[in-house]
Every structure is written in C-alpha cells, then in structure tokens.
Amino acid sequence: MSAESKGKNMTSKRYTNIKEVSEYTSLPVKSLYELAGLGKIPSIKIGRRVLFDLQDIDKMMESMKRTCNKEEVIDYNTADSVMQILSGFGKGGINA
C-alpha cells in the first residue's frame, strides 16, 4: 500500500488505534501511550484497547504548533541573511 493510499484511508476513518495514530503523526507508539496515560491526548480506552479520534488528534497537533516571531524572521533570499546565519553557527548558534 502506498503512502498516498494510507493517507486517504486514514482520513476516511474517525477512530483509529495507536499504531495508526503513530503513522499519522510520526510520533512513536510509546510516546503516544505515555501522553494518553497522562491525559494529554484524548483517548478512548475499551478494555485493553486504546482508540483515538483523529479530529481530536488534529486539534491537539494544531495547538502544539509554534508561532513565528516576526522580529527573528530571516529572509533567506538575501546574501546578507545567509551570511548572518552562517556566522552564527561558529558562535554556538545565532541567538547564543
């Protein structure tokens, strides 16, 4: 099965198991179990089986996005910006 058909198949289901959520999010199964156990990821536990609502997973992933600090945005199209980036690496990083 191709990655494209997996993606299409995944979005046609609402509730999925932990292995499918791992593939969907690229997060390790162990991490997902830990997060679900701590209540940081909404899950449904039926006996030993843990199910996840993909709508909840999408909301959680959206809420975890980092925003861009406009003051630190660098225009990668200019030579000066490239030199700024490269010069920062030798000093422990740009913001060090």
C-alpha atoms as a PDB file:
ATOM      1  CA  MET A   1       0.000   0.000   0.000  1.00  0.00           C
ATOM      2  CA  SER A   2       1.436   3.387  -0.960  1.00  0.00           C
ATOM      3  CA  ALA A   3       1.801   6.295   1.473  1.00  0.00           C
ATOM      4  CA  GLU A   4      -0.796   8.217  -0.531  1.00  0.00           C
ATOM      5  CA  SER A   5      -3.378   5.447  -0.217  1.00  0.00           C
ATOM      6  CA  LYS A   6      -2.574   5.105   3.507  1.00  0.00           C
ATOM      7  CA  GLY A   7      -3.237   8.823   3.974  1.00  0.00           C
ATOM      8  CA  LYS A   8      -6.543   8.623   2.101  1.00  0.00           C
ATOM      9  CA  ASN A   9      -7.563   5.520   4.036  1.00  0.00           C
ATOM     10  CA  MET A  10      -6.577   7.125   7.354  1.00  0.00           C
ATOM     11  CA  THR A  11      -8.720  10.208   6.841  1.00  0.00           C
ATOM     12  CA  SER A  12     -11.775   8.141   5.928  1.00  0.00           C
ATOM     13  CA  LYS A  13     -11.770   6.645   9.452  1.00  0.00           C
ATOM     14  CA  ARG A  14     -12.599   8.697  12.515  1.00  0.00           C
ATOM     15  CA  TYR A  15     -11.391   6.353  15.273  1.00  0.00           C
ATOM     16  CA  THR A  16      -8.027   4.657  14.949  1.00  0.00           C
ATOM     17  CA  ASN A  17      -5.693   2.536  17.010  1.00  0.00           C
ATOM     18  CA  ILE A  18      -2.391   3.687  18.418  1.00  0.00           C
ATOM     19  CA  LYS A  19      -0.284   2.238  15.607  1.00  0.00           C
ATOM     20  CA  GLU A  20      -2.295   4.157  13.009  1.00  0.00           C
ATOM     21  CA  VAL A  21      -2.042   7.378  15.063  1.00  0.00           C
ATOM     22  CA  SER A  22       1.713   6.822  15.258  1.00  0.00           C
ATOM     23  CA  GLU A  23       1.891   6.609  11.460  1.00  0.00           C
ATOM     24  CA  TYR A  24      -0.473   9.587  11.092  1.00  0.00           C
ATOM     25  CA  THR A  25       1.521  11.870  13.418  1.00  0.00           C
ATOM     26  CA  SER A  26       5.023  10.378  13.060  1.00  0.00           C
ATOM     27  CA  LEU A  27       5.173  10.077  16.860  1.00  0.00           C
ATOM     28  CA  PRO A  28       6.441   6.866  18.490  1.00  0.00           C
ATOM     29  CA  VAL A  29       3.813   4.485  19.869  1.00  0.00           C
ATOM     30  CA  LYS A  30       5.472   4.595  23.306  1.00  0.00           C
ATOM     31  CA  SER A  31       5.196   8.390  23.430  1.00  0.00           C
ATOM     32  CA  LEU A  32       1.533   8.227  22.433  1.00  0.00           C
ATOM     33  CA  TYR A  33       0.796   5.713  25.222  1.00  0.00           C
ATOM     34  CA  GLU A  34       2.547   7.978  27.737  1.00  0.00           C
ATOM     35  CA  LEU A  35       0.704  11.100  26.571  1.00  0.00           C
ATOM     36  CA  ALA A  36      -2.645   9.275  26.576  1.00  0.00           C
ATOM     37  CA  GLY A  37      -1.967   7.902  30.064  1.00  0.00           C
ATOM     38  CA  LEU A  38      -1.220  11.419  31.325  1.00  0.00           C
ATOM     39  CA  GLY A  39      -4.414  12.727  29.714  1.00  0.00           C
ATOM     40  CA  LYS A  40      -2.505  14.989  27.309  1.00  0.00           C
ATOM     41  CA  ILE A  41      -4.026  13.256  24.286  1.00  0.00           C
ATOM     42  CA  PRO A  42      -7.753  12.468  24.318  1.00  0.00           C
ATOM     43  CA  SER A  43      -8.283   8.729  24.027  1.00  0.00           C
ATOM     44  CA  ILE A  44     -10.944   6.093  24.463  1.00  0.00           C
ATOM     45  CA  LYS A  45      -9.994   3.020  26.476  1.00  0.00           C
ATOM     46  CA  ILE A  46     -12.119  -0.073  25.966  1.00  0.00           C
ATOM     47  CA  GLY A  47     -10.636  -2.968  27.900  1.00  0.00           C
ATOM     48  CA  ARG A  48      -7.003  -3.143  26.839  1.00  0.00           C
ATOM     49  CA  ARG A  49      -7.650  -1.343  23.573  1.00  0.00           C
ATOM     50  CA  VAL A  50      -6.974   2.382  23.212  1.00  0.00           C
ATOM     51  CA  LEU A  51      -8.666   4.303  20.399  1.00  0.00           C
ATOM     52  CA  PHE A  52      -8.104   7.850  19.244  1.00  0.00           C
ATOM     53  CA  ASP A  53     -10.434  10.272  17.485  1.00  0.00           C
ATOM     54  CA  LEU A  54      -8.481  11.741  14.554  1.00  0.00           C
ATOM     55  CA  GLN A  55     -10.390  15.019  14.920  1.00  0.00           C
ATOM     56  CA  ASP A  56      -9.016  15.288  18.486  1.00  0.00           C
ATOM     57  CA  ILE A  57      -5.523  14.390  17.267  1.00  0.00           C
ATOM     58  CA  ASP A  58      -5.686  17.110  14.598  1.00  0.00           C
ATOM     59  CA  LYS A  59      -6.802  19.690  17.190  1.00  0.00           C
ATOM     60  CA  MET A  60      -4.035  18.640  19.567  1.00  0.00           C
ATOM     61  CA  MET A  61      -1.365  18.846  16.860  1.00  0.00           C
ATOM     62  CA  GLU A  62      -2.672  22.259  15.773  1.00  0.00           C
ATOM     63  CA  SER A  63      -2.483  23.540  19.343  1.00  0.00           C
ATOM     64  CA  MET A  64       1.148  22.401  19.602  1.00  0.00           C
ATOM     65  CA  LYS A  65       2.334  24.451  16.622  1.00  0.00           C
ATOM     66  CA  ARG A  66       4.943  27.044  17.411  1.00  0.00           C
ATOM     67  CA  THR A  67       4.365  30.517  16.088  1.00  0.00           C
ATOM     68  CA  CYS A  68       6.952  32.530  14.241  1.00  0.00           C
ATOM     69  CA  ASN A  69       8.472  35.540  15.979  1.00  0.00           C
ATOM     70  CA  LYS A  70       8.308  38.213  13.270  1.00  0.00           C
ATOM     71  CA  GLU A  71      11.332  40.038  14.691  1.00  0.00           C
ATOM     72  CA  GLU A  72      13.504  36.963  14.170  1.00  0.00           C
ATOM     73  CA  VAL A  73      12.274  36.032  10.698  1.00  0.00           C
ATOM     74  CA  ILE A  74      15.191  35.954   8.287  1.00  0.00           C
ATOM     75  CA  ASP A  75      14.826  36.495   4.562  1.00  0.00           C
ATOM     76  CA  TYR A  76      16.684  33.502   3.153  1.00  0.00           C
ATOM     77  CA  ASN A  77      16.720  35.075  -0.320  1.00  0.00           C
ATOM     78  CA  THR A  78      19.316  37.704   0.505  1.00  0.00           C
ATOM     79  CA  ALA A  79      23.063  37.136   0.719  1.00  0.00           C
ATOM     80  CA  ASP A  80      23.295  39.187   3.924  1.00  0.00           C
ATOM     81  CA  SER A  81      20.798  36.900   5.630  1.00  0.00           C
ATOM     82  CA  VAL A  82      22.692  33.788   4.564  1.00  0.00           C
ATOM     83  CA  MET A  83      25.921  35.266   5.917  1.00  0.00           C
ATOM     84  CA  GLN A  84      24.143  36.110   9.193  1.00  0.00           C
ATOM     85  CA  ILE A  85      23.007  32.510   9.549  1.00  0.00           C
ATOM     86  CA  LEU A  86      26.415  31.054   8.717  1.00  0.00           C
ATOM     87  CA  SER A  87      28.317  33.401  11.005  1.00  0.00           C
ATOM     88  CA  GLY A  88      26.096  32.413  13.934  1.00  0.00           C
ATOM     89  CA  PHE A  89      26.985  28.723  13.727  1.00  0.00           C
ATOM     90  CA  GLY A  90      30.577  29.195  14.830  1.00  0.00           C
ATOM     91  CA  LYS A  91      29.494  31.045  17.963  1.00  0.00           C
ATOM     92  CA  GLY A  92      27.137  28.485  19.434  1.00  0.00           C
ATOM     93  CA  GLY A  93      24.169  29.444  17.253  1.00  0.00           C
ATOM     94  CA  ILE A  94      22.538  32.620  16.068  1.00  0.00           C
ATOM     95  CA  ASN A  95      20.917  33.549  19.366  1.00  0.00           C
ATOM     96  CA  ALA A  96      23.782  32.471  21.642  1.00  0.00           C
END
